[in-house]
């Protein structure tokens, strides 16, 4: 029951072909029929129980060992981003407005590699291979939970693991993780300030929504810095502001929207309540109305301390001591694997995939139209997925 890098390396060419095929034909959201077909073709012939999603293009593949035992879940997301690719790689996206800029094509190929490696092993228990659409803002993990992925073997998994590659920050092949919060909660706030329009030369006869909206944007920053501990931080970034269409017209409305990131469930709730209070107070002071659409998207991704320690042990044993280290602080991006970890103890790790010809400190990162990822990590990632499952099943 020992996965080796040499065994994984024998799969490298096939995993590269699969990853590049998925990359060239990216699909976004919950409906990924072409990606689903590629995954099913890649799994064909393996001793798996396969279930396709009903409301989304998911694939749940269950591998049973030769003897009864517990269940471990391994997850890979499959969806792309709504982004036009600006690289010159030969297998760049052929779909306008869609790009695998977050490495989900690598995750999917790695998990296929793990399926092949695990199919050759003798072990007790079962492994759920969770191929998930809709991570990028569509809560695909939650949809798969609703459709029963956690009951795919009729027993709840004792552990769940996920890997996430980075196009920068880490040299290729290095793995980082930690116990506790590893990625932020993500919320979206959209605020509509409603006033009364008029001639810009006579603002006294109007109720101008723009100064109120501007004050709200600035007050949100002051609220965060004066209300939250720097060791339990909150980030509020307003990324879009729209009002009016002419220099000499006061508009009726002003709209702004932004993202809110936090690292504890308590702060996630407190920031929601506080922003409502701040925006409503400013609206009252300006004599305008305000509508606040506050959407709680993803909870904090929290690694179980025990499972994070097991992940670290497996990574060091497989890859070498120097290729794993604990990250000192969480990553402010968000992940819907958080929904899995809210139900099942587990851990998520980041895997460096910076191309060899780029500097990890300056390379375009995930979600950049210029992001590139090193295929060299595919077989190693597949081996790590497989090792995580086998090591955990061997020590239930």
Protein backbone atom coordinates (compact mmCIF):
# COMPACT_ATOMS: atom_id res chain seq x y z
CA UNK A 1 0.00 0.00 0.00
CA UNK A 2 2.72 2.44 -0.98
CA UNK A 3 2.34 4.93 -3.81
CA UNK A 4 5.64 5.87 -5.43
CA UNK A 5 6.61 8.82 -7.56
CA UNK A 6 8.05 6.38 -10.09
CA UNK A 7 4.68 4.67 -10.53
CA UNK A 8 3.00 8.06 -10.89
CA UNK A 9 5.60 9.23 -13.41
CA UNK A 10 4.51 6.45 -15.76
CA UNK A 11 1.14 8.23 -16.02
CA UNK A 12 2.62 11.67 -16.73
CA UNK A 13 2.16 11.74 -20.50
CA UNK A 14 -1.48 10.69 -20.27
CA UNK A 15 -2.17 13.26 -17.55
CA UNK A 16 -0.55 16.01 -19.62
CA UNK A 17 -2.72 15.09 -22.61
CA UNK A 18 -5.85 15.16 -20.47
CA UNK A 19 -4.98 18.44 -18.78
CA UNK A 20 -4.24 20.16 -22.09
CA UNK A 21 -7.44 18.87 -23.68
CA UNK A 22 -9.46 20.25 -20.75
CA UNK A 23 -7.52 23.52 -20.86
CA UNK A 24 -8.19 24.04 -24.55
CA UNK A 25 -11.95 23.56 -24.10
CA UNK A 26 -12.78 25.34 -20.83
CA UNK A 27 -16.31 25.45 -19.44
CA UNK A 28 -17.67 27.66 -16.68
CA UNK A 29 -20.31 27.25 -14.01
CA UNK A 30 -22.24 24.12 -13.13
CA UNK A 31 -22.80 22.75 -16.64
CA UNK A 32 -19.57 21.24 -18.00
CA UNK A 33 -20.66 18.52 -20.43
CA UNK A 34 -17.45 18.37 -22.46
CA UNK A 35 -15.27 18.29 -19.34
CA UNK A 36 -17.47 15.62 -17.80
CA UNK A 37 -17.10 13.50 -20.95
CA UNK A 38 -13.32 13.84 -20.84
CA UNK A 39 -13.24 12.71 -17.22
CA UNK A 40 -15.52 9.75 -17.90
CA UNK A 41 -13.35 8.70 -20.85
CA UNK A 42 -10.21 8.96 -18.69
CA UNK A 43 -11.79 6.79 -15.98
CA UNK A 44 -13.11 4.21 -18.41
CA UNK A 45 -11.94 0.68 -17.63
CA UNK A 46 -11.20 1.31 -13.97
CA UNK A 47 -13.15 -0.64 -11.29
CA UNK A 48 -15.23 2.35 -10.23
CA UNK A 49 -18.87 2.93 -9.34
CA UNK A 50 -19.67 6.11 -11.25
CA UNK A 51 -22.59 8.47 -10.71
CA UNK A 52 -23.24 11.58 -12.76
CA UNK A 53 -24.83 14.66 -11.22
CA UNK A 54 -28.46 15.50 -11.83
CA UNK A 55 -28.45 19.30 -11.48
CA UNK A 56 -24.79 19.77 -12.45
CA UNK A 57 -22.16 18.01 -14.58
CA UNK A 58 -20.44 16.34 -11.66
CA UNK A 59 -18.80 12.92 -11.56
CA UNK A 60 -18.71 10.87 -8.36
CA UNK A 61 -16.50 7.80 -8.70
CA UNK A 62 -16.24 5.28 -5.86
CA UNK A 63 -13.37 2.82 -5.58
CA UNK A 64 -13.82 -0.04 -3.13
CA UNK A 65 -10.84 -1.80 -1.63
CA UNK A 66 -10.56 -5.56 -1.29
CA UNK A 67 -11.72 -5.47 2.33
CA UNK A 68 -14.33 -3.47 4.28
CA UNK A 69 -13.21 -0.30 5.97
CA UNK A 70 -13.85 3.43 6.28
CA UNK A 71 -14.22 5.95 3.46
CA UNK A 72 -11.96 8.84 2.43
CA UNK A 73 -13.00 11.56 -0.02
CA UNK A 74 -10.69 13.23 -2.55
CA UNK A 75 -11.97 16.29 -4.37
CA UNK A 76 -10.99 18.11 -7.59
CA UNK A 77 -12.84 21.06 -9.10
CA UNK A 78 -13.30 21.16 -12.88
CA UNK A 79 -14.70 24.57 -13.90
CA UNK A 80 -12.94 27.45 -15.63
CA UNK A 81 -13.21 31.21 -15.17
CA UNK A 82 -15.12 33.70 -17.37
CA UNK A 83 -11.88 35.21 -18.64
CA UNK A 84 -10.23 35.60 -22.06
CA UNK A 85 -6.82 33.92 -22.09
CA UNK A 86 -3.79 36.05 -22.97
CA UNK A 87 -1.07 33.41 -23.19
CA UNK A 88 0.64 32.02 -26.28
CA UNK A 89 0.78 28.37 -25.19
CA UNK A 90 -0.10 25.88 -27.92
CA UNK A 91 -3.08 24.50 -25.99
CA UNK A 92 -4.56 27.86 -24.96
CA UNK A 93 -8.31 28.22 -24.67
CA UNK A 94 -10.30 27.93 -27.87
CA UNK A 95 -13.41 29.26 -26.11
CA UNK A 96 -13.75 33.06 -26.11
CA UNK A 97 -14.38 34.40 -22.64
CA UNK A 98 -13.39 31.23 -20.79
CA UNK A 99 -10.01 30.17 -19.38
CA UNK A 100 -8.59 27.71 -16.89
CA UNK A 101 -6.79 30.47 -14.98
CA UNK A 102 -7.10 28.82 -11.56
CA UNK A 103 -5.61 25.42 -12.35
CA UNK A 104 -8.76 23.33 -12.08
CA UNK A 105 -7.70 21.49 -15.23
CA UNK A 106 -4.64 20.34 -13.31
CA UNK A 107 -6.70 19.30 -10.27
CA UNK A 108 -8.97 17.19 -12.46
CA UNK A 109 -6.06 15.47 -14.19
CA UNK A 110 -4.33 14.82 -10.87
CA UNK A 111 -7.42 13.14 -9.46
CA UNK A 112 -7.68 10.96 -12.57
CA UNK A 113 -4.06 9.99 -11.91
CA UNK A 114 -4.95 9.14 -8.32
CA UNK A 115 -7.83 6.95 -9.53
CA UNK A 116 -5.45 4.96 -11.70
CA UNK A 117 -2.85 4.60 -8.95
CA UNK A 118 -5.41 3.58 -6.34
CA UNK A 119 -6.98 1.03 -8.68
CA UNK A 120 -3.67 -0.86 -8.61
CA UNK A 121 -3.46 -0.91 -4.80
CA UNK A 122 -4.76 -3.38 -2.21
CA UNK A 123 -6.45 -1.61 0.69
CA UNK A 124 -9.32 -1.79 3.16
CA UNK A 125 -12.11 0.73 2.76
CA UNK A 126 -13.37 2.97 -0.02
CA UNK A 127 -12.37 6.18 -1.75
CA UNK A 128 -14.81 8.75 -3.12
CA UNK A 129 -13.36 10.65 -6.08
CA UNK A 130 -15.31 13.91 -6.28
CA UNK A 131 -15.05 15.70 -9.63
CA UNK A 132 -16.86 18.98 -9.01
CA UNK A 133 -18.17 21.75 -11.28
CA UNK A 134 -19.00 25.26 -10.17
CA UNK A 135 -16.31 26.11 -7.61
CA UNK A 136 -15.90 29.61 -9.04
CA UNK A 137 -18.85 31.32 -7.38
CA UNK A 138 -21.50 28.64 -7.95
CA UNK A 139 -21.11 26.60 -4.73
CA UNK A 140 -20.75 23.37 -6.70
CA UNK A 141 -19.56 21.53 -3.59
CA UNK A 142 -22.79 22.39 -1.82
CA UNK A 143 -24.81 21.14 -4.79
CA UNK A 144 -22.90 17.84 -4.72
CA UNK A 145 -23.50 17.51 -0.97
CA UNK A 146 -27.20 18.03 -1.62
CA UNK A 147 -27.06 15.27 -4.25
CA UNK A 148 -25.44 12.86 -1.80
CA UNK A 149 -21.70 12.83 -2.48
CA UNK A 150 -20.98 12.37 1.23
CA UNK A 151 -23.22 9.27 1.27
CA UNK A 152 -21.81 7.73 -1.90
CA UNK A 153 -20.58 4.69 0.05
CA UNK A 154 -23.48 4.68 2.53
CA UNK A 155 -21.11 5.84 5.25
CA UNK A 156 -19.79 9.30 5.89
CA UNK A 157 -16.11 9.82 5.02
CA UNK A 158 -13.72 9.90 7.96
CA UNK A 159 -11.57 12.44 6.11
CA UNK A 160 -11.59 14.64 2.99
CA UNK A 161 -8.65 16.14 1.12
CA UNK A 162 -8.20 18.63 -1.73
CA UNK A 163 -5.19 20.08 -3.54
CA UNK A 164 -5.04 23.50 -5.18
CA UNK A 165 -2.25 24.58 -7.53
CA UNK A 166 -0.78 28.07 -7.70
CA UNK A 167 0.69 29.75 -10.79
CA UNK A 168 2.90 31.89 -8.56
CA UNK A 169 3.94 32.19 -4.91
CA UNK A 170 5.48 28.67 -4.77
CA UNK A 171 8.08 26.93 -6.94
CA UNK A 172 6.72 23.90 -8.77
CA UNK A 173 6.27 20.83 -6.60
CA UNK A 174 6.32 22.48 -3.18
CA UNK A 175 3.30 21.94 -0.93
CA UNK A 176 2.00 24.17 1.87
CA UNK A 177 -0.85 23.88 4.32
CA UNK A 178 -1.71 24.44 7.98
CA UNK A 179 -4.21 23.47 10.63
CA UNK A 180 -7.09 25.84 11.28
CA UNK A 181 -8.28 28.51 8.83
CA UNK A 182 -6.47 28.04 5.51
CA UNK A 183 -8.64 30.19 3.18
CA UNK A 184 -11.04 33.06 3.77
CA UNK A 185 -14.80 33.27 3.84
CA UNK A 186 -16.19 35.22 0.90
CA UNK A 187 -19.28 37.41 0.81
CA UNK A 188 -20.58 39.81 -1.82
CA UNK A 189 -22.28 43.11 -1.01
CA UNK A 190 -24.20 45.23 -3.52
CA UNK A 191 -25.50 48.60 -2.37
CA UNK A 192 -28.00 50.77 -4.22
CA UNK A 193 -28.31 54.36 -2.98
CA UNK A 194 -31.57 55.94 -4.11
CA UNK A 195 -31.94 59.70 -4.16
CA UNK A 196 -33.71 62.14 -6.46
CA UNK A 197 -32.08 63.42 -9.60
CA UNK A 198 -31.88 66.95 -10.85
CA UNK A 199 -29.77 69.61 -12.52
CA UNK A 200 -26.16 69.49 -11.39
CA UNK A 201 -26.10 73.29 -10.98
CA UNK A 202 -28.90 73.14 -8.40
CA UNK A 203 -28.11 70.23 -6.04
CA UNK A 204 -30.28 71.80 -3.33
CA UNK A 205 -33.34 70.72 -5.33
CA UNK A 206 -32.16 67.10 -5.60
CA UNK A 207 -31.10 64.34 -3.26
CA UNK A 208 -27.69 63.44 -4.62
CA UNK A 209 -26.87 59.74 -4.13
CA UNK A 210 -23.22 60.08 -5.18
CA UNK A 211 -21.75 61.80 -2.08
CA UNK A 212 -23.60 59.33 0.13
CA UNK A 213 -22.27 56.37 -1.87
CA UNK A 214 -18.72 57.75 -1.77
CA UNK A 215 -18.92 58.23 1.98
CA UNK A 216 -20.17 54.66 2.39
CA UNK A 217 -17.22 53.27 0.41
CA UNK A 218 -14.73 55.15 2.61
CA UNK A 219 -16.59 54.47 5.85
CA UNK A 220 -16.48 50.74 5.17
CA UNK A 221 -12.68 50.89 5.39
CA UNK A 222 -12.72 52.84 8.65
CA UNK A 223 -15.33 50.47 10.10
CA UNK A 224 -13.12 47.45 9.38
CA UNK A 225 -9.91 48.91 10.83
CA UNK A 226 -11.66 50.14 13.99
CA UNK A 227 -13.83 47.08 14.63
CA UNK A 228 -11.73 43.98 13.99
CA UNK A 229 -8.61 42.52 15.57
CA UNK A 230 -5.62 42.59 13.23
CA UNK A 231 -5.08 38.91 14.13
CA UNK A 232 -8.62 38.04 12.97
CA UNK A 233 -8.69 40.32 9.94
CA UNK A 234 -11.46 41.41 7.62
CA UNK A 235 -10.98 42.79 4.10
CA UNK A 236 -13.64 44.88 2.34
CA UNK A 237 -12.84 45.85 -1.24
CA UNK A 238 -15.30 47.76 -3.40
CA UNK A 239 -14.57 46.74 -6.96
CA UNK A 240 -17.34 48.46 -8.89
CA UNK A 241 -19.00 51.88 -8.58
CA UNK A 242 -21.58 53.19 -11.07
CA UNK A 243 -23.65 56.38 -11.08
CA UNK A 244 -24.90 58.82 -13.69
CA UNK A 245 -24.16 59.35 -17.36
CA UNK A 246 -23.62 63.11 -17.80
CA UNK A 247 -21.54 65.81 -16.12
CA UNK A 248 -24.48 68.16 -15.59
CA UNK A 249 -27.05 65.66 -14.30
CA UNK A 250 -27.48 64.41 -10.75
CA UNK A 251 -28.63 60.79 -11.10
CA UNK A 252 -31.40 59.14 -9.19
CA UNK A 253 -29.27 56.18 -8.11
CA UNK A 254 -25.71 55.13 -7.36
CA UNK A 255 -24.66 51.49 -7.11
CA UNK A 256 -21.50 49.90 -5.78
CA UNK A 257 -20.51 46.31 -5.16
CA UNK A 258 -17.62 44.63 -3.43
CA UNK A 259 -16.18 41.54 -1.83
CA UNK A 260 -15.86 40.88 1.89
CA UNK A 261 -13.27 38.41 3.22
CA UNK A 262 -12.97 37.12 6.78
CA UNK A 263 -11.22 34.32 8.62
CA UNK A 264 -13.65 33.28 11.34
CA UNK A 265 -17.38 32.62 11.44
CA UNK A 266 -17.78 35.24 14.14
CA UNK A 267 -16.14 37.94 12.06
CA UNK A 268 -18.14 36.90 8.99
CA UNK A 269 -21.38 37.59 10.85
CA UNK A 270 -20.13 40.74 12.60
CA UNK A 271 -18.96 42.38 9.39
CA UNK A 272 -22.32 41.70 7.75
CA UNK A 273 -24.19 43.32 10.63
CA UNK A 274 -21.76 46.22 10.87
CA UNK A 275 -21.83 47.14 7.18
CA UNK A 276 -25.62 47.26 7.26
CA UNK A 277 -25.46 49.63 10.23
CA UNK A 278 -22.84 51.89 8.61
CA UNK A 279 -24.59 52.14 5.25
CA UNK A 280 -28.02 52.74 6.78
CA UNK A 281 -26.65 55.43 9.08
CA UNK A 282 -24.95 57.31 6.26
CA UNK A 283 -28.08 57.09 4.11
CA UNK A 284 -30.16 58.59 6.91
CA UNK A 285 -27.67 61.41 7.39
CA UNK A 286 -27.82 62.28 3.67
CA UNK A 287 -31.59 61.95 3.38
CA UNK A 288 -31.39 59.17 0.80
CA UNK A 289 -32.63 55.59 0.78
CA UNK A 290 -30.38 52.54 0.65
CA UNK A 291 -30.93 48.95 -0.43
CA UNK A 292 -28.34 46.41 0.68
CA UNK A 293 -28.03 43.02 -0.98
CA UNK A 294 -25.59 41.07 1.16
CA UNK A 295 -24.85 37.54 -0.07
CA UNK A 296 -22.94 35.08 2.08
CA UNK A 297 -21.10 33.03 -0.52
CA UNK A 298 -18.53 30.69 1.04
CA UNK A 299 -17.67 30.03 4.69
CA UNK A 300 -14.11 29.99 6.02
CA UNK A 301 -12.11 26.98 4.82
CA UNK A 302 -10.93 25.41 8.07
CA UNK A 303 -8.47 22.52 8.06
CA UNK A 304 -8.85 20.01 10.84
CA UNK A 305 -5.62 20.10 12.86
CA UNK A 306 -5.29 16.32 12.94
CA UNK A 307 -5.95 15.90 9.22
CA UNK A 308 -3.60 18.76 8.37
CA UNK A 309 -0.87 16.98 10.35
CA UNK A 310 -1.60 13.74 8.47
CA UNK A 311 -1.43 15.62 5.16
CA UNK A 312 1.93 17.09 6.13
CA UNK A 313 3.25 13.65 7.09
CA UNK A 314 2.09 12.06 3.83
CA UNK A 315 3.51 14.89 1.72
CA UNK A 316 6.91 14.74 3.43
CA UNK A 317 7.09 10.95 3.15
CA UNK A 318 6.18 10.97 -0.54
CA UNK A 319 7.85 14.12 -1.84
CA UNK A 320 10.71 14.64 0.62
CA UNK A 321 11.00 16.72 3.77
CA UNK A 322 12.08 19.83 1.90
CA UNK A 323 8.98 19.89 -0.32
CA UNK A 324 6.43 20.52 2.43
CA UNK A 325 6.16 23.33 4.96
CA UNK A 326 3.45 24.88 7.10
CA UNK A 327 2.25 28.25 5.87
CA UNK A 328 2.21 30.84 8.69
CA UNK A 329 -1.07 32.47 7.72
CA UNK A 330 -4.17 31.67 5.66
CA UNK A 331 -4.69 32.67 2.03
CA UNK A 332 -7.29 35.44 1.53
CA UNK A 333 -8.85 33.72 -1.50
CA UNK A 334 -11.89 31.52 -0.85
CA UNK A 335 -12.86 27.92 -1.64
CA UNK A 336 -16.12 26.04 -1.67
CA UNK A 337 -14.29 22.97 -0.34
CA UNK A 338 -15.19 24.80 2.86
CA UNK A 339 -18.66 23.23 2.60
CA UNK A 340 -17.10 19.75 2.66
CA UNK A 341 -14.83 20.62 5.59
CA UNK A 342 -17.83 21.94 7.53
CA UNK A 343 -19.20 18.36 7.46
CA UNK A 344 -16.10 16.18 7.33
CA UNK A 345 -12.70 16.61 9.02
CA UNK A 346 -10.10 17.16 6.37
CA UNK A 347 -7.50 19.46 4.88
CA UNK A 348 -6.69 21.47 1.77
CA UNK A 349 -3.13 22.07 0.59
CA UNK A 350 -1.63 24.43 -1.95
CA UNK A 351 0.74 22.96 -4.56
CA UNK A 352 3.25 25.15 -6.36
CA UNK A 353 2.95 25.00 -10.15
CA UNK A 354 4.99 28.03 -11.21
CA UNK A 355 6.60 27.31 -14.61
CA UNK A 356 10.34 26.73 -14.44
CA UNK A 357 11.08 29.80 -16.56
CA UNK A 358 9.17 32.16 -14.24
CA UNK A 359 9.94 33.67 -10.87
CA UNK A 360 7.38 32.52 -8.30
CA UNK A 361 7.51 35.95 -6.65
CA UNK A 362 6.57 37.87 -9.80
CA UNK A 363 4.76 35.39 -12.08
CA UNK A 364 1.13 36.15 -12.99
CA UNK A 365 -0.99 34.46 -10.36
CA UNK A 366 -4.22 32.52 -10.35
CA UNK A 367 -7.16 34.33 -12.00
CA UNK A 368 -4.79 36.26 -14.27
CA UNK A 369 -5.38 36.07 -18.02
CA UNK A 370 -1.62 35.47 -18.29
CA UNK A 371 -1.44 32.67 -15.70
CA UNK A 372 0.46 29.55 -16.72
CA UNK A 373 0.94 26.30 -14.78
CA UNK A 374 3.71 23.71 -14.93
CA UNK A 375 2.54 20.30 -16.17
CA UNK A 376 5.43 18.72 -14.27
CA UNK A 377 3.35 18.69 -11.09
CA UNK A 378 0.59 16.48 -12.52
CA UNK A 379 1.97 13.05 -11.66
CA UNK A 380 3.24 14.26 -8.28
CA UNK A 381 -0.16 15.70 -7.46
CA UNK A 382 -1.86 12.47 -8.47
CA UNK A 383 0.55 10.52 -6.28
CA UNK A 384 -0.10 12.84 -3.34
CA UNK A 385 -3.87 12.45 -3.68
CA UNK A 386 -3.47 8.66 -3.70
CA UNK A 387 -1.03 8.65 -0.79
CA UNK A 388 -3.39 10.78 1.30
CA UNK A 389 -6.20 8.27 0.81
CA UNK A 390 -4.09 5.19 1.45
CA UNK A 391 -2.30 6.62 4.47
CA UNK A 392 -5.59 7.68 6.07
CA UNK A 393 -7.32 4.35 5.39
CA UNK A 394 -4.36 2.51 6.89
CA UNK A 395 -4.75 4.48 10.13
CA UNK A 396 -8.50 4.84 10.74
